Amino acid sequence: MQVLQVQLEVGPDPAEVGRARRWARSRLAGSGIGDDEPLAEILILLISELVTNAVVHTGCPAVLRMLFGGDAPEAGIAGTVRVEVADISARPPQQRKADGEDTNGRGLALVDGLADRWGWQAEGAGKSIWCEVDRGACQAGRVAPQVRGFVTAP
């Protein structure tokens, strides 16, 4: 299977999240995933959450990676897109439970609900949090109704 990997270094400033989204949109378009496709909407939302978590919770630079799996039509799958955000903090991610009007604490629950798979692993002195979305599942229409039409800021 052929895999294309692209990466972006993200500074420790929350304003970098918007730059990461814009960069990711351009890379998605370059891989043949249209901006108006549900897959693109889901990936941009996942990227936004993971980069925000890395920047806000560590206060350190991070690296955003996107890996595009090759198509395997003979197997009936259309590839997988993997998003990874690596930072220098060894502290594992903690899924929190947000209450009512809380403005924080929903990010990893959102990742868990939208990604086909996600997890984390040690990487050097830090860690990498990753998630995967299967292209075929989105093309088959398996997208949560509340995500369709969701717009993230550029």
Protein backbone atom coordinates (compact mmCIF):
# COMPACT_ATOMS: atom_id res chain seq x y z
CA MET A 1 0.00 0.00 0.00
CA GLN A 2 1.30 3.43 -0.91
CA VAL A 3 1.12 6.14 1.78
CA LEU A 4 1.60 9.88 1.36
CA GLN A 5 2.66 11.77 4.49
CA VAL A 6 2.71 15.53 4.93
CA GLN A 7 3.51 17.46 8.08
CA LEU A 8 3.38 20.95 9.55
CA GLU A 9 5.17 22.36 12.57
CA VAL A 10 2.73 24.22 14.82
CA GLY A 11 3.84 26.90 17.25
CA PRO A 12 2.66 27.08 20.87
CA ASP A 13 0.19 29.90 20.09
CA PRO A 14 -3.58 29.13 19.92
CA ALA A 15 -3.69 31.25 16.73
CA GLU A 16 -1.71 28.45 15.09
CA VAL A 17 -4.84 26.26 15.13
CA GLY A 18 -6.40 28.34 12.34
CA ARG A 19 -3.19 28.10 10.32
CA ALA A 20 -3.19 24.32 10.80
CA ARG A 21 -6.79 24.12 9.53
CA ARG A 22 -5.98 26.18 6.43
CA TRP A 23 -2.90 24.08 5.71
CA ALA A 24 -4.87 20.85 6.18
CA ARG A 25 -7.64 22.02 3.83
CA SER A 26 -5.09 22.64 1.10
CA ARG A 27 -3.50 19.21 1.64
CA LEU A 28 -6.90 17.50 1.59
CA ALA A 29 -7.74 19.21 -1.70
CA GLY A 30 -4.37 18.11 -3.08
CA SER A 31 -5.20 14.52 -2.18
CA GLY A 32 -8.53 14.65 -4.01
CA ILE A 33 -10.77 15.23 -0.98
CA GLY A 34 -13.05 18.16 -1.81
CA ASP A 35 -13.67 20.90 0.74
CA ASP A 36 -17.41 20.24 0.61
CA GLU A 37 -17.16 16.49 1.27
CA PRO A 38 -18.24 15.15 4.68
CA LEU A 39 -14.83 13.48 5.00
CA ALA A 40 -13.10 16.87 4.76
CA GLU A 41 -15.43 18.38 7.36
CA ILE A 42 -14.74 15.54 9.78
CA LEU A 43 -10.97 15.65 9.26
CA ILE A 44 -10.77 19.42 9.74
CA LEU A 45 -12.77 19.16 12.95
CA LEU A 46 -10.53 16.35 14.23
CA ILE A 47 -7.39 18.30 13.31
CA SER A 48 -8.73 21.39 15.05
CA GLU A 49 -9.41 19.45 18.26
CA LEU A 50 -6.08 17.61 18.35
CA VAL A 51 -3.96 20.67 17.54
CA THR A 52 -5.90 22.79 20.05
CA ASN A 53 -5.33 20.16 22.75
CA ALA A 54 -1.61 20.01 22.02
CA VAL A 55 -1.15 23.78 22.02
CA VAL A 56 -3.39 24.59 24.98
CA HIS A 57 -2.52 21.71 27.31
CA THR A 58 1.25 21.65 26.74
CA GLY A 59 2.09 25.26 25.84
CA CYS A 60 4.75 23.80 23.53
CA PRO A 61 5.20 23.43 19.77
CA ALA A 62 3.67 20.39 18.06
CA VAL A 63 3.84 18.61 14.73
CA LEU A 64 0.70 17.87 12.71
CA ARG A 65 0.99 14.94 10.31
CA MET A 66 -1.53 13.68 7.78
CA LEU A 67 -1.10 10.28 6.17
CA PHE A 68 -3.15 9.31 3.16
CA GLY A 69 -3.45 5.56 2.59
CA GLY A 70 -3.53 4.28 -0.97
CA ASP A 71 -6.68 2.85 -2.52
CA ALA A 72 -7.19 -0.88 -2.59
CA PRO A 73 -10.25 -1.35 -4.81
CA GLU A 74 -9.78 -5.11 -4.99
CA ALA A 75 -10.36 -5.24 -1.23
CA GLY A 76 -13.39 -2.97 -1.42
CA ILE A 77 -11.84 -0.15 0.61
CA ALA A 78 -10.94 3.34 -0.44
CA GLY A 79 -8.06 3.98 1.93
CA THR A 80 -7.70 5.66 5.29
CA VAL A 81 -6.68 9.14 6.34
CA ARG A 82 -4.63 9.24 9.54
CA VAL A 83 -4.05 12.43 11.52
CA GLU A 84 -1.28 12.58 14.13
CA VAL A 85 -0.33 15.42 16.45
CA ALA A 86 2.97 14.97 18.28
CA ASP A 87 4.14 17.12 21.17
CA ILE A 88 6.93 17.02 23.72
CA SER A 89 4.74 16.32 26.75
CA ALA A 90 4.84 12.72 27.98
CA ARG A 91 1.56 13.23 29.88
CA PRO A 92 -1.11 10.97 28.37
CA PRO A 93 -4.30 12.53 27.05
CA GLN A 94 -7.21 12.46 29.48
CA GLN A 95 -10.76 12.35 28.27
CA ARG A 96 -12.79 14.62 30.54
CA LYS A 97 -16.52 14.89 31.07
CA ALA A 98 -17.88 18.35 30.42
CA ASP A 99 -20.97 19.46 32.29
CA GLY A 100 -23.76 21.63 30.88
CA GLU A 101 -22.31 25.03 30.13
CA ASP A 102 -18.63 24.04 30.37
CA THR A 103 -16.64 25.45 27.46
CA ASN A 104 -13.88 22.84 27.69
CA GLY A 105 -13.64 19.09 28.10
CA ARG A 106 -15.39 17.79 24.99
CA GLY A 107 -12.49 17.49 22.55
CA LEU A 108 -11.50 13.86 23.01
CA ALA A 109 -15.16 12.79 23.26
CA LEU A 110 -15.66 14.43 19.88
CA VAL A 111 -12.60 12.63 18.49
CA ASP A 112 -13.92 9.36 19.90
CA GLY A 113 -17.31 9.92 18.26
CA LEU A 114 -16.06 10.98 14.82
CA ALA A 115 -12.93 8.92 14.20
CA ASP A 116 -13.06 5.27 13.21
CA ARG A 117 -10.09 4.66 15.51
CA TRP A 118 -7.94 6.80 17.78
CA GLY A 119 -5.29 6.46 20.40
CA TRP A 120 -1.92 7.69 21.54
CA GLN A 121 1.61 6.40 21.79
CA ALA A 122 4.93 7.48 23.23
CA GLU A 123 7.08 9.30 20.70
CA GLY A 124 10.60 10.22 21.75
CA ALA A 125 10.36 12.12 25.04
CA GLY A 126 6.75 13.08 24.25
CA LYS A 127 3.70 11.51 22.67
CA SER A 128 1.65 11.35 19.50
CA ILE A 129 -2.14 11.36 19.53
CA TRP A 130 -3.62 9.89 16.37
CA CYS A 131 -6.97 9.21 14.76
CA GLU A 132 -8.07 7.52 11.56
CA VAL A 133 -11.06 7.99 9.30
CA ASP A 134 -11.86 5.44 6.62
CA ARG A 135 -12.58 7.13 3.31
CA GLY A 136 -15.00 4.38 2.25
CA ALA A 137 -17.19 4.87 5.32
CA CYS A 138 -17.71 8.55 4.52
CA GLN A 139 -18.30 7.84 0.85
CA ALA A 140 -20.94 5.29 1.85
CA GLY A 141 -22.74 8.00 3.80
CA ARG A 142 -21.79 6.91 7.32
CA VAL A 143 -21.50 10.40 8.71
CA ALA A 144 -23.31 11.55 11.82
CA PRO A 145 -26.16 13.90 10.83
CA GLN A 146 -24.98 16.55 13.29
CA VAL A 147 -21.65 16.75 11.43
CA ARG A 148 -23.10 17.25 7.96
CA GLY A 149 -22.94 20.93 7.16
CA PHE A 150 -20.72 21.71 10.17
CA VAL A 151 -18.46 24.60 9.27
CA THR A 152 -15.12 25.22 10.93
CA ALA A 153 -13.47 28.60 10.84
CA PRO A 154 -10.75 28.96 8.19
